[in-house]
Amino acid sequence: MDTYKAETRRIIRRFLRNRIDFPDCVVGLEAALAKFVPELGEDQMESLRTHVLSNNDAVMQEMARRTESSYQTDSGF
């Protein structure tokens, strides 16, 4: 589980630093999930779920920030 968390943190960090775009971020997170789910035990599923939701929140917050920033730039504010 720690390896999965570290990998997803790296993916999100790259997204937040504009080194990858949204689609590549989603693909990276999904690939990490597909890679690690078979290795996880039943007792780790709740922790996995919590981490996946946290990742989703981080990505969606960044997309909202980018959309807002783009809107303010486009509208002249």
C-alpha atoms as a PDB file:
ATOM      1  CA  MET A   1       0.000   0.000   0.000  1.00  0.00           C
ATOM      2  CA  ASP A   2       2.848   2.375   0.772  1.00  0.00           C
ATOM      3  CA  THR A   3       4.271   1.838  -2.706  1.00  0.00           C
ATOM      4  CA  TYR A   4       0.908   2.641  -4.285  1.00  0.00           C
ATOM      5  CA  LYS A   5       0.560   5.792  -2.199  1.00  0.00           C
ATOM      6  CA  ALA A   6       4.066   6.943  -3.112  1.00  0.00           C
ATOM      7  CA  GLU A   7       3.434   6.337  -6.813  1.00  0.00           C
ATOM      8  CA  THR A   8       0.151   8.225  -6.822  1.00  0.00           C
ATOM      9  CA  ARG A   9       1.706  11.119  -4.892  1.00  0.00           C
ATOM     10  CA  ARG A  10       4.379  11.387  -7.600  1.00  0.00           C
ATOM     11  CA  ILE A  11       1.725  11.413 -10.328  1.00  0.00           C
ATOM     12  CA  ILE A  12      -0.322  14.109  -8.611  1.00  0.00           C
ATOM     13  CA  ARG A  13       2.776  16.173  -7.859  1.00  0.00           C
ATOM     14  CA  ARG A  14       3.670  16.093 -11.572  1.00  0.00           C
ATOM     15  CA  PHE A  15       0.122  17.184 -12.418  1.00  0.00           C
ATOM     16  CA  LEU A  16       0.172  20.034  -9.910  1.00  0.00           C
ATOM     17  CA  ARG A  17       3.485  21.232 -11.357  1.00  0.00           C
ATOM     18  CA  ASN A  18       2.051  21.149 -14.897  1.00  0.00           C
ATOM     19  CA  ARG A  19       4.445  18.427 -16.008  1.00  0.00           C
ATOM     20  CA  ILE A  20       1.543  16.232 -17.118  1.00  0.00           C
ATOM     21  CA  ASP A  21      -1.948  17.185 -18.227  1.00  0.00           C
ATOM     22  CA  PHE A  22      -5.277  16.026 -16.807  1.00  0.00           C
ATOM     23  CA  PRO A  23      -5.765  13.000 -19.103  1.00  0.00           C
ATOM     24  CA  ASP A  24      -2.232  11.760 -18.399  1.00  0.00           C
ATOM     25  CA  CYS A  25      -2.798  12.218 -14.674  1.00  0.00           C
ATOM     26  CA  VAL A  26      -5.996  10.154 -14.779  1.00  0.00           C
ATOM     27  CA  VAL A  27      -4.340   7.441 -16.871  1.00  0.00           C
ATOM     28  CA  GLY A  28      -1.395   7.326 -14.467  1.00  0.00           C
ATOM     29  CA  LEU A  29      -3.631   7.039 -11.418  1.00  0.00           C
ATOM     30  CA  GLU A  30      -5.731   4.329 -13.038  1.00  0.00           C
ATOM     31  CA  ALA A  31      -2.622   2.395 -14.088  1.00  0.00           C
ATOM     32  CA  ALA A  32      -1.235   2.572 -10.565  1.00  0.00           C
ATOM     33  CA  LEU A  33      -4.535   1.317  -9.175  1.00  0.00           C
ATOM     34  CA  ALA A  34      -4.700  -1.550 -11.657  1.00  0.00           C
ATOM     35  CA  LYS A  35      -1.120  -2.491 -10.843  1.00  0.00           C
ATOM     36  CA  PHE A  36      -1.523  -2.580  -7.074  1.00  0.00           C
ATOM     37  CA  VAL A  37      -5.089  -3.804  -6.464  1.00  0.00           C
ATOM     38  CA  PRO A  38      -4.222  -7.478  -7.085  1.00  0.00           C
ATOM     39  CA  GLU A  39      -1.447  -7.222  -4.491  1.00  0.00           C
ATOM     40  CA  LEU A  40      -3.620  -5.752  -1.752  1.00  0.00           C
ATOM     41  CA  GLY A  41      -5.362  -7.763   0.898  1.00  0.00           C
ATOM     42  CA  GLU A  42      -9.000  -7.431   1.871  1.00  0.00           C
ATOM     43  CA  ASP A  43      -7.945  -5.599   5.033  1.00  0.00           C
ATOM     44  CA  GLN A  44      -6.370  -2.824   2.926  1.00  0.00           C
ATOM     45  CA  MET A  45      -9.423  -2.023   0.795  1.00  0.00           C
ATOM     46  CA  GLU A  46     -10.808   0.693   3.078  1.00  0.00           C
ATOM     47  CA  SER A  47      -7.430   2.410   3.186  1.00  0.00           C
ATOM     48  CA  LEU A  48      -7.228   2.126  -0.603  1.00  0.00           C
ATOM     49  CA  ARG A  49     -10.694   3.613  -1.004  1.00  0.00           C
ATOM     50  CA  THR A  50      -9.793   6.543   1.249  1.00  0.00           C
ATOM     51  CA  HIS A  51      -6.592   7.213  -0.686  1.00  0.00           C
ATOM     52  CA  VAL A  52      -8.324   6.993  -4.085  1.00  0.00           C
ATOM     53  CA  LEU A  53     -10.940   9.518  -2.930  1.00  0.00           C
ATOM     54  CA  SER A  54      -8.216  11.798  -1.577  1.00  0.00           C
ATOM     55  CA  ASN A  55      -6.395  11.621  -4.921  1.00  0.00           C
ATOM     56  CA  ASN A  56      -9.639  12.434  -6.719  1.00  0.00           C
ATOM     57  CA  ASP A  57     -10.249  15.438  -4.489  1.00  0.00           C
ATOM     58  CA  ALA A  58      -6.728  16.783  -5.104  1.00  0.00           C
ATOM     59  CA  VAL A  59      -7.071  16.464  -8.872  1.00  0.00           C
ATOM     60  CA  MET A  60     -10.574  17.980  -8.963  1.00  0.00           C
ATOM     61  CA  GLN A  61      -9.513  20.919  -6.766  1.00  0.00           C
ATOM     62  CA  GLU A  62      -6.632  21.623  -9.120  1.00  0.00           C
ATOM     63  CA  MET A  63      -8.919  21.414 -12.154  1.00  0.00           C
ATOM     64  CA  ALA A  64     -11.336  23.841 -10.478  1.00  0.00           C
ATOM     65  CA  ARG A  65      -8.459  26.202  -9.720  1.00  0.00           C
ATOM     66  CA  ARG A  66      -7.245  26.021 -13.318  1.00  0.00           C
ATOM     67  CA  THR A  67     -10.749  26.596 -14.665  1.00  0.00           C
ATOM     68  CA  GLU A  68     -11.271  29.584 -12.393  1.00  0.00           C
ATOM     69  CA  SER A  69      -7.880  30.999 -13.294  1.00  0.00           C
ATOM     70  CA  SER A  70      -8.596  30.514 -17.002  1.00  0.00           C
ATOM     71  CA  TYR A  71     -11.993  32.168 -16.641  1.00  0.00           C
ATOM     72  CA  GLN A  72     -10.539  35.200 -14.864  1.00  0.00           C
ATOM     73  CA  THR A  73      -7.824  35.538 -17.501  1.00  0.00           C
ATOM     74  CA  ASP A  74     -10.281  35.187 -20.396  1.00  0.00           C
ATOM     75  CA  SER A  75     -12.830  37.598 -18.974  1.00  0.00           C
ATOM     76  CA  GLY A  76     -10.326  40.345 -18.228  1.00  0.00           C
ATOM     77  CA  PHE A  77     -10.611  40.255 -14.430  1.00  0.00           C
END
